[in-house]
């Protein structure tokens, strides 16, 4: 009886990790990784463009300092 309660507690405490692991296995087995990597690259590009647009002066200064180092 105690073992089943421990197992239920384990499942309750770690259900997010279990679901994430199952989703990762499905993605790996179906070859969806290429689509997801492409999607993540697009999202990163959107985030980077937004950051540069909102912080133009800081980005210009950092790029200038980086180029001066070379």
PDB file of N, CA and C in Angstrom:
ATOM      1  N   UNK A   1       0.828  -1.188   0.000  1.00  0.00           N
ATOM      2  CA  UNK A   1       0.000   0.000   0.000  1.00  0.00           C
ATOM      3  C   UNK A   1       0.871   1.249   0.000  1.00  0.00           C
ATOM      4  N   UNK A   2       1.924   1.251   0.761  1.00  0.00           N
ATOM      5  CA  UNK A   2       2.797   2.407   0.855  1.00  0.00           C
ATOM      6  C   UNK A   2       3.538   2.639  -0.455  1.00  0.00           C
ATOM      7  N   UNK A   3       3.874   1.543  -1.162  1.00  0.00           N
ATOM      8  CA  UNK A   3       4.581   1.676  -2.431  1.00  0.00           C
ATOM      9  C   UNK A   3       3.726   2.371  -3.482  1.00  0.00           C
ATOM     10  N   UNK A   4       2.436   2.076  -3.519  1.00  0.00           N
ATOM     11  CA  UNK A   4       1.579   2.722  -4.517  1.00  0.00           C
ATOM     12  C   UNK A   4       1.412   4.204  -4.202  1.00  0.00           C
ATOM     13  N   UNK A   5       1.369   4.563  -2.917  1.00  0.00           N
ATOM     14  CA  UNK A   5       1.296   5.980  -2.550  1.00  0.00           C
ATOM     15  C   UNK A   5       2.579   6.706  -2.940  1.00  0.00           C
ATOM     16  N   UNK A   6       3.732   6.045  -2.746  1.00  0.00           N
ATOM     17  CA  UNK A   6       5.000   6.645  -3.148  1.00  0.00           C
ATOM     18  C   UNK A   6       5.057   6.850  -4.655  1.00  0.00           C
ATOM     19  N   UNK A   7       4.562   5.861  -5.406  1.00  0.00           N
ATOM     20  CA  UNK A   7       4.569   5.962  -6.864  1.00  0.00           C
ATOM     21  C   UNK A   7       3.653   7.094  -7.330  1.00  0.00           C
ATOM     22  N   UNK A   8       2.467   7.194  -6.725  1.00  0.00           N
ATOM     23  CA  UNK A   8       1.541   8.273  -7.081  1.00  0.00           C
ATOM     24  C   UNK A   8       2.145   9.638  -6.761  1.00  0.00           C
ATOM     25  N   UNK A   9       2.825   9.726  -5.614  1.00  0.00           N
ATOM     26  CA  UNK A   9       3.480  10.985  -5.238  1.00  0.00           C
ATOM     27  C   UNK A   9       4.585  11.322  -6.230  1.00  0.00           C
ATOM     28  N   UNK A  10       5.355  10.302  -6.642  1.00  0.00           N
ATOM     29  CA  UNK A  10       6.408  10.510  -7.635  1.00  0.00           C
ATOM     30  C   UNK A  10       5.815  11.035  -8.936  1.00  0.00           C
ATOM     31  N   UNK A  11       4.741  10.393  -9.405  1.00  0.00           N
ATOM     32  CA  UNK A  11       4.103  10.843 -10.646  1.00  0.00           C
ATOM     33  C   UNK A  11       3.561  12.263 -10.515  1.00  0.00           C
ATOM     34  N   UNK A  12       2.974  12.574  -9.375  1.00  0.00           N
ATOM     35  CA  UNK A  12       2.425  13.910  -9.161  1.00  0.00           C
ATOM     36  C   UNK A  12       3.526  14.966  -9.119  1.00  0.00           C
ATOM     37  N   UNK A  13       4.630  14.642  -8.441  1.00  0.00           N
ATOM     38  CA  UNK A  13       5.724  15.604  -8.302  1.00  0.00           C
ATOM     39  C   UNK A  13       6.503  15.815  -9.588  1.00  0.00           C
ATOM     40  N   UNK A  14       6.550  14.812 -10.457  1.00  0.00           N
ATOM     41  CA  UNK A  14       7.400  14.877 -11.649  1.00  0.00           C
ATOM     42  C   UNK A  14       6.619  14.759 -12.956  1.00  0.00           C
ATOM     43  N   UNK A  15       5.336  15.062 -12.947  1.00  0.00           N
ATOM     44  CA  UNK A  15       4.545  14.878 -14.164  1.00  0.00           C
ATOM     45  C   UNK A  15       5.000  15.801 -15.293  1.00  0.00           C
ATOM     46  N   UNK A  16       5.464  17.003 -14.977  1.00  0.00           N
ATOM     47  CA  UNK A  16       5.955  17.904 -16.020  1.00  0.00           C
ATOM     48  C   UNK A  16       7.169  17.341 -16.727  1.00  0.00           C
ATOM     49  N   UNK A  17       8.092  16.771 -15.955  1.00  0.00           N
ATOM     50  CA  UNK A  17       9.290  16.174 -16.544  1.00  0.00           C
ATOM     51  C   UNK A  17       8.933  14.934 -17.364  1.00  0.00           C
ATOM     52  N   UNK A  18       7.985  14.155 -16.885  1.00  0.00           N
ATOM     53  CA  UNK A  18       7.569  12.949 -17.609  1.00  0.00           C
ATOM     54  C   UNK A  18       6.921  13.333 -18.935  1.00  0.00           C
ATOM     55  N   UNK A  19       6.032  14.301 -18.905  1.00  0.00           N
ATOM     56  CA  UNK A  19       5.369  14.751 -20.138  1.00  0.00           C
ATOM     57  C   UNK A  19       6.396  15.349 -21.093  1.00  0.00           C
ATOM     58  N   UNK A  20       7.318  16.162 -20.578  1.00  0.00           N
ATOM     59  CA  UNK A  20       8.361  16.742 -21.422  1.00  0.00           C
ATOM     60  C   UNK A  20       9.236  15.674 -22.050  1.00  0.00           C
ATOM     61  N   UNK A  21       9.578  14.645 -21.288  1.00  0.00           N
ATOM     62  CA  UNK A  21      10.372  13.542 -21.827  1.00  0.00           C
ATOM     63  C   UNK A  21       9.639  12.800 -22.925  1.00  0.00           C
ATOM     64  N   UNK A  22       8.353  12.548 -22.729  1.00  0.00           N
ATOM     65  CA  UNK A  22       7.567  11.863 -23.764  1.00  0.00           C
ATOM     66  C   UNK A  22       7.467  12.704 -25.033  1.00  0.00           C
ATOM     67  N   UNK A  23       7.273  14.000 -24.876  1.00  0.00           N
ATOM     68  CA  UNK A  23       7.211  14.884 -26.050  1.00  0.00           C
ATOM     69  C   UNK A  23       8.555  14.899 -26.766  1.00  0.00           C
ATOM     70  N   UNK A  24       9.652  14.933 -26.010  1.00  0.00           N
ATOM     71  CA  UNK A  24      10.988  14.913 -26.616  1.00  0.00           C
ATOM     72  C   UNK A  24      11.217  13.622 -27.390  1.00  0.00           C
ATOM     73  N   UNK A  25      10.777  12.503 -26.853  1.00  0.00           N
ATOM     74  CA  UNK A  25      10.924  11.212 -27.551  1.00  0.00           C
ATOM     75  C   UNK A  25      10.123  11.224 -28.844  1.00  0.00           C
ATOM     76  N   UNK A  26       8.904  11.732 -28.799  1.00  0.00           N
ATOM     77  CA  UNK A  26       8.065  11.794 -30.009  1.00  0.00           C
ATOM     78  C   UNK A  26       8.707  12.692 -31.054  1.00  0.00           C
ATOM     79  N   UNK A  27       9.223  13.841 -30.641  1.00  0.00           N
ATOM     80  CA  UNK A  27       9.865  14.770 -31.580  1.00  0.00           C
ATOM     81  C   UNK A  27      11.099  14.120 -32.199  1.00  0.00           C
ATOM     82  N   UNK A  28      11.899  13.456 -31.381  1.00  0.00           N
ATOM     83  CA  UNK A  28      13.116  12.825 -31.885  1.00  0.00           C
ATOM     84  C   UNK A  28      12.793  11.687 -32.854  1.00  0.00           C
ATOM     85  N   UNK A  29      11.757  10.937 -32.573  1.00  0.00           N
ATOM     86  CA  UNK A  29      11.414   9.790 -33.419  1.00  0.00           C
ATOM     87  C   UNK A  29      10.743  10.189 -34.724  1.00  0.00           C
ATOM     88  N   UNK A  30      10.076  11.318 -34.751  1.00  0.00           N
ATOM     89  CA  UNK A  30       9.347  11.712 -35.956  1.00  0.00           C
ATOM     90  C   UNK A  30      10.126  12.662 -36.851  1.00  0.00           C
ATOM     91  N   UNK A  31      11.278  13.128 -36.420  1.00  0.00           N
ATOM     92  CA  UNK A  31      12.073  14.019 -37.254  1.00  0.00           C
ATOM     93  C   UNK A  31      11.595  15.452 -37.235  1.00  0.00           C
ATOM     94  N   UNK A  32      10.826  15.823 -36.251  1.00  0.00           N
ATOM     95  CA  UNK A  32      10.342  17.203 -36.154  1.00  0.00           C
ATOM     96  C   UNK A  32      11.415  18.172 -35.674  1.00  0.00           C
ATOM     97  N   UNK A  33      12.587  17.653 -35.370  1.00  0.00           N
ATOM     98  CA  UNK A  33      13.642  18.527 -34.848  1.00  0.00           C
ATOM     99  C   UNK A  33      14.047  19.590 -35.857  1.00  0.00           C
ATOM    100  N   UNK A  34      14.065  19.247 -37.134  1.00  0.00           N
ATOM    101  CA  UNK A  34      14.433  20.246 -38.156  1.00  0.00           C
ATOM    102  C   UNK A  34      13.443  21.400 -38.173  1.00  0.00           C
ATOM    103  N   UNK A  35      12.182  21.087 -38.063  1.00  0.00           N
ATOM    104  CA  UNK A  35      11.152  22.130 -38.054  1.00  0.00           C
ATOM    105  C   UNK A  35      11.284  22.980 -36.798  1.00  0.00           C
ATOM    106  N   UNK A  36      11.496  22.334 -35.654  1.00  0.00           N
ATOM    107  CA  UNK A  36      11.611  23.077 -34.400  1.00  0.00           C
ATOM    108  C   UNK A  36      12.855  23.953 -34.376  1.00  0.00           C
ATOM    109  N   UNK A  37      13.980  23.458 -34.897  1.00  0.00           N
ATOM    110  CA  UNK A  37      15.201  24.264 -34.939  1.00  0.00           C
ATOM    111  C   UNK A  37      14.980  25.484 -35.834  1.00  0.00           C
ATOM    112  N   UNK A  38      14.361  25.288 -36.971  1.00  0.00           N
ATOM    113  CA  UNK A  38      14.050  26.411 -37.854  1.00  0.00           C
ATOM    114  C   UNK A  38      13.136  27.412 -37.185  1.00  0.00           C
ATOM    115  N   UNK A  39      12.150  26.922 -36.477  1.00  0.00           N
ATOM    116  CA  UNK A  39      11.217  27.788 -35.760  1.00  0.00           C
ATOM    117  C   UNK A  39      11.944  28.584 -34.684  1.00  0.00           C
ATOM    118  N   UNK A  40      12.837  27.936 -33.948  1.00  0.00           N
ATOM    119  CA  UNK A  40      13.596  28.631 -32.911  1.00  0.00           C
ATOM    120  C   UNK A  40      14.526  29.687 -33.504  1.00  0.00           C
ATOM    121  N   UNK A  41      15.107  29.413 -34.670  1.00  0.00           N
ATOM    122  CA  UNK A  41      15.969  30.398 -35.324  1.00  0.00           C
ATOM    123  C   UNK A  41      15.157  31.619 -35.735  1.00  0.00           C
ATOM    124  N   UNK A  42      13.962  31.402 -36.242  1.00  0.00           N
ATOM    125  CA  UNK A  42      13.091  32.521 -36.622  1.00  0.00           C
ATOM    126  C   UNK A  42      12.725  33.353 -35.395  1.00  0.00           C
ATOM    127  N   UNK A  43      12.365  32.702 -34.306  1.00  0.00           N
ATOM    128  CA  UNK A  43      12.005  33.425 -33.086  1.00  0.00           C
ATOM    129  C   UNK A  43      13.205  34.204 -32.546  1.00  0.00           C
ATOM    130  N   UNK A  44      14.401  33.593 -32.572  1.00  0.00           N
ATOM    131  CA  UNK A  44      15.598  34.296 -32.114  1.00  0.00           C
ATOM    132  C   UNK A  44      15.875  35.512 -32.991  1.00  0.00           C
ATOM    133  N   UNK A  45      15.700  35.375 -34.298  1.00  0.00           N
ATOM    134  CA  UNK A  45      15.893  36.501 -35.200  1.00  0.00           C
ATOM    135  C   UNK A  45      14.912  37.630 -34.926  1.00  0.00           C
ATOM    136  N   UNK A  46      13.676  37.276 -34.624  1.00  0.00           N
ATOM    137  CA  UNK A  46      12.680  38.288 -34.300  1.00  0.00           C
ATOM    138  C   UNK A  46      13.045  39.004 -33.003  1.00  0.00           C
ATOM    139  N   UNK A  47      13.481  38.235 -32.007  1.00  0.00           N
ATOM    140  CA  UNK A  47      13.874  38.826 -30.721  1.00  0.00           C
ATOM    141  C   UNK A  47      15.080  39.741 -30.906  1.00  0.00           C
ATOM    142  N   UNK A  48      16.070  39.296 -31.683  1.00  0.00           N
ATOM    143  CA  UNK A  48      17.272  40.091 -31.909  1.00  0.00           C
ATOM    144  C   UNK A  48      16.944  41.390 -32.642  1.00  0.00           C
ATOM    145  N   UNK A  49      16.102  41.307 -33.655  1.00  0.00           N
ATOM    146  CA  UNK A  49      15.698  42.511 -34.381  1.00  0.00           C
ATOM    147  C   UNK A  49      14.976  43.500 -33.491  1.00  0.00           C
ATOM    148  N   UNK A  50      14.101  43.002 -32.638  1.00  0.00           N
ATOM    149  CA  UNK A  50      13.378  43.867 -31.704  1.00  0.00           C
ATOM    150  C   UNK A  50      14.336  44.511 -30.709  1.00  0.00           C
ATOM    151  N   UNK A  51      15.302  43.736 -30.213  1.00  0.00           N
ATOM    152  CA  UNK A  51      16.279  44.265 -29.261  1.00  0.00           C
ATOM    153  C   UNK A  51      17.115  45.362 -29.899  1.00  0.00           C
ATOM    154  N   UNK A  52      17.583  45.120 -31.119  1.00  0.00           N
ATOM    155  CA  UNK A  52      18.406  46.116 -31.814  1.00  0.00           C
ATOM    156  C   UNK A  52      17.602  47.383 -32.082  1.00  0.00           C
ATOM    157  N   UNK A  53      16.348  47.222 -32.471  1.00  0.00           N
ATOM    158  CA  UNK A  53      15.515  48.384 -32.758  1.00  0.00           C
ATOM    159  C   UNK A  53      15.312  49.234 -31.507  1.00  0.00           C
ATOM    160  N   UNK A  54      15.130  48.599 -30.362  1.00  0.00           N
ATOM    161  CA  UNK A  54      14.857  49.353 -29.137  1.00  0.00           C
ATOM    162  C   UNK A  54      16.128  49.868 -28.473  1.00  0.00           C
ATOM    163  N   UNK A  55      17.298  49.329 -28.805  1.00  0.00           N
ATOM    164  CA  UNK A  55      18.555  49.721 -28.164  1.00  0.00           C
ATOM    165  C   UNK A  55      19.604  50.091 -29.213  1.00  0.00           C
ATOM    166  N   UNK A  56      19.221  50.900 -30.189  1.00  0.00           N
ATOM    167  CA  UNK A  56      20.109  51.234 -31.302  1.00  0.00           C
ATOM    168  C   UNK A  56      21.433  51.819 -30.850  1.00  0.00           C
ATOM    169  N   UNK A  57      21.377  52.779 -29.968  1.00  0.00           N
ATOM    170  CA  UNK A  57      22.606  53.469 -29.552  1.00  0.00           C
ATOM    171  C   UNK A  57      23.554  52.529 -28.806  1.00  0.00           C
ATOM    172  N   UNK A  58      23.013  51.721 -27.918  1.00  0.00           N
ATOM    173  CA  UNK A  58      23.857  50.773 -27.184  1.00  0.00           C
ATOM    174  C   UNK A  58      24.496  49.757 -28.121  1.00  0.00           C
ATOM    175  N   UNK A  59      23.713  49.272 -29.087  1.00  0.00           N
ATOM    176  CA  UNK A  59      24.228  48.283 -30.043  1.00  0.00           C
ATOM    177  C   UNK A  59      25.308  48.913 -30.916  1.00  0.00           C
ATOM    178  N   UNK A  60      25.086  50.154 -31.364  1.00  0.00           N
ATOM    179  CA  UNK A  60      26.100  50.841 -32.170  1.00  0.00           C
ATOM    180  C   UNK A  60      27.406  50.977 -31.404  1.00  0.00           C
ATOM    181  N   UNK A  61      27.302  51.365 -30.133  1.00  0.00           N
ATOM    182  CA  UNK A  61      28.498  51.550 -29.311  1.00  0.00           C
ATOM    183  C   UNK A  61      29.233  50.223 -29.092  1.00  0.00           C
ATOM    184  N   UNK A  62      28.489  49.172 -28.814  1.00  0.00           N
ATOM    185  CA  UNK A  62      29.111  47.858 -28.598  1.00  0.00           C
ATOM    186  C   UNK A  62      29.776  47.346 -29.866  1.00  0.00           C
ATOM    187  N   UNK A  63      29.130  47.523 -31.007  1.00  0.00           N
ATOM    188  CA  UNK A  63      29.716  47.107 -32.287  1.00  0.00           C
ATOM    189  C   UNK A  63      30.965  47.919 -32.608  1.00  0.00           C
ATOM    190  N   UNK A  64      30.916  49.232 -32.336  1.00  0.00           N
ATOM    191  CA  UNK A  64      32.073  50.085 -32.586  1.00  0.00           C
ATOM    192  C   UNK A  64      33.258  49.630 -31.732  1.00  0.00           C
ATOM    193  N   UNK A  65      33.009  49.359 -30.447  1.00  0.00           N
ATOM    194  CA  UNK A  65      34.072  48.885 -29.550  1.00  0.00           C
ATOM    195  C   UNK A  65      34.622  47.529 -30.001  1.00  0.00           C
ATOM    196  N   UNK A  66      33.759  46.656 -30.480  1.00  0.00           N
ATOM    197  CA  UNK A  66      34.192  45.337 -30.955  1.00  0.00           C
ATOM    198  C   UNK A  66      35.069  45.472 -32.208  1.00  0.00           C
ATOM    199  N   UNK A  67      34.651  46.333 -33.124  1.00  0.00           N
ATOM    200  CA  UNK A  67      35.436  46.540 -34.339  1.00  0.00           C
ATOM    201  C   UNK A  67      36.764  47.192 -34.018  1.00  0.00           C
ATOM    202  N   UNK A  68      36.795  48.127 -33.089  1.00  0.00           N
ATOM    203  CA  UNK A  68      38.048  48.781 -32.693  1.00  0.00           C
ATOM    204  C   UNK A  68      39.038  47.813 -32.099  1.00  0.00           C
ATOM    205  N   UNK A  69      38.573  46.769 -31.439  1.00  0.00           N
ATOM    206  CA  UNK A  69      39.458  45.760 -30.846  1.00  0.00           C
ATOM    207  C   UNK A  69      40.215  44.986 -31.926  1.00  0.00           C
ATOM    208  N   UNK A  70      39.568  44.817 -33.076  1.00  0.00           N
ATOM    209  CA  UNK A  70      40.227  44.090 -34.181  1.00  0.00           C
ATOM    210  C   UNK A  70      41.151  45.006 -34.906  1.00  0.00           C
TER     211      UNK A  70
END
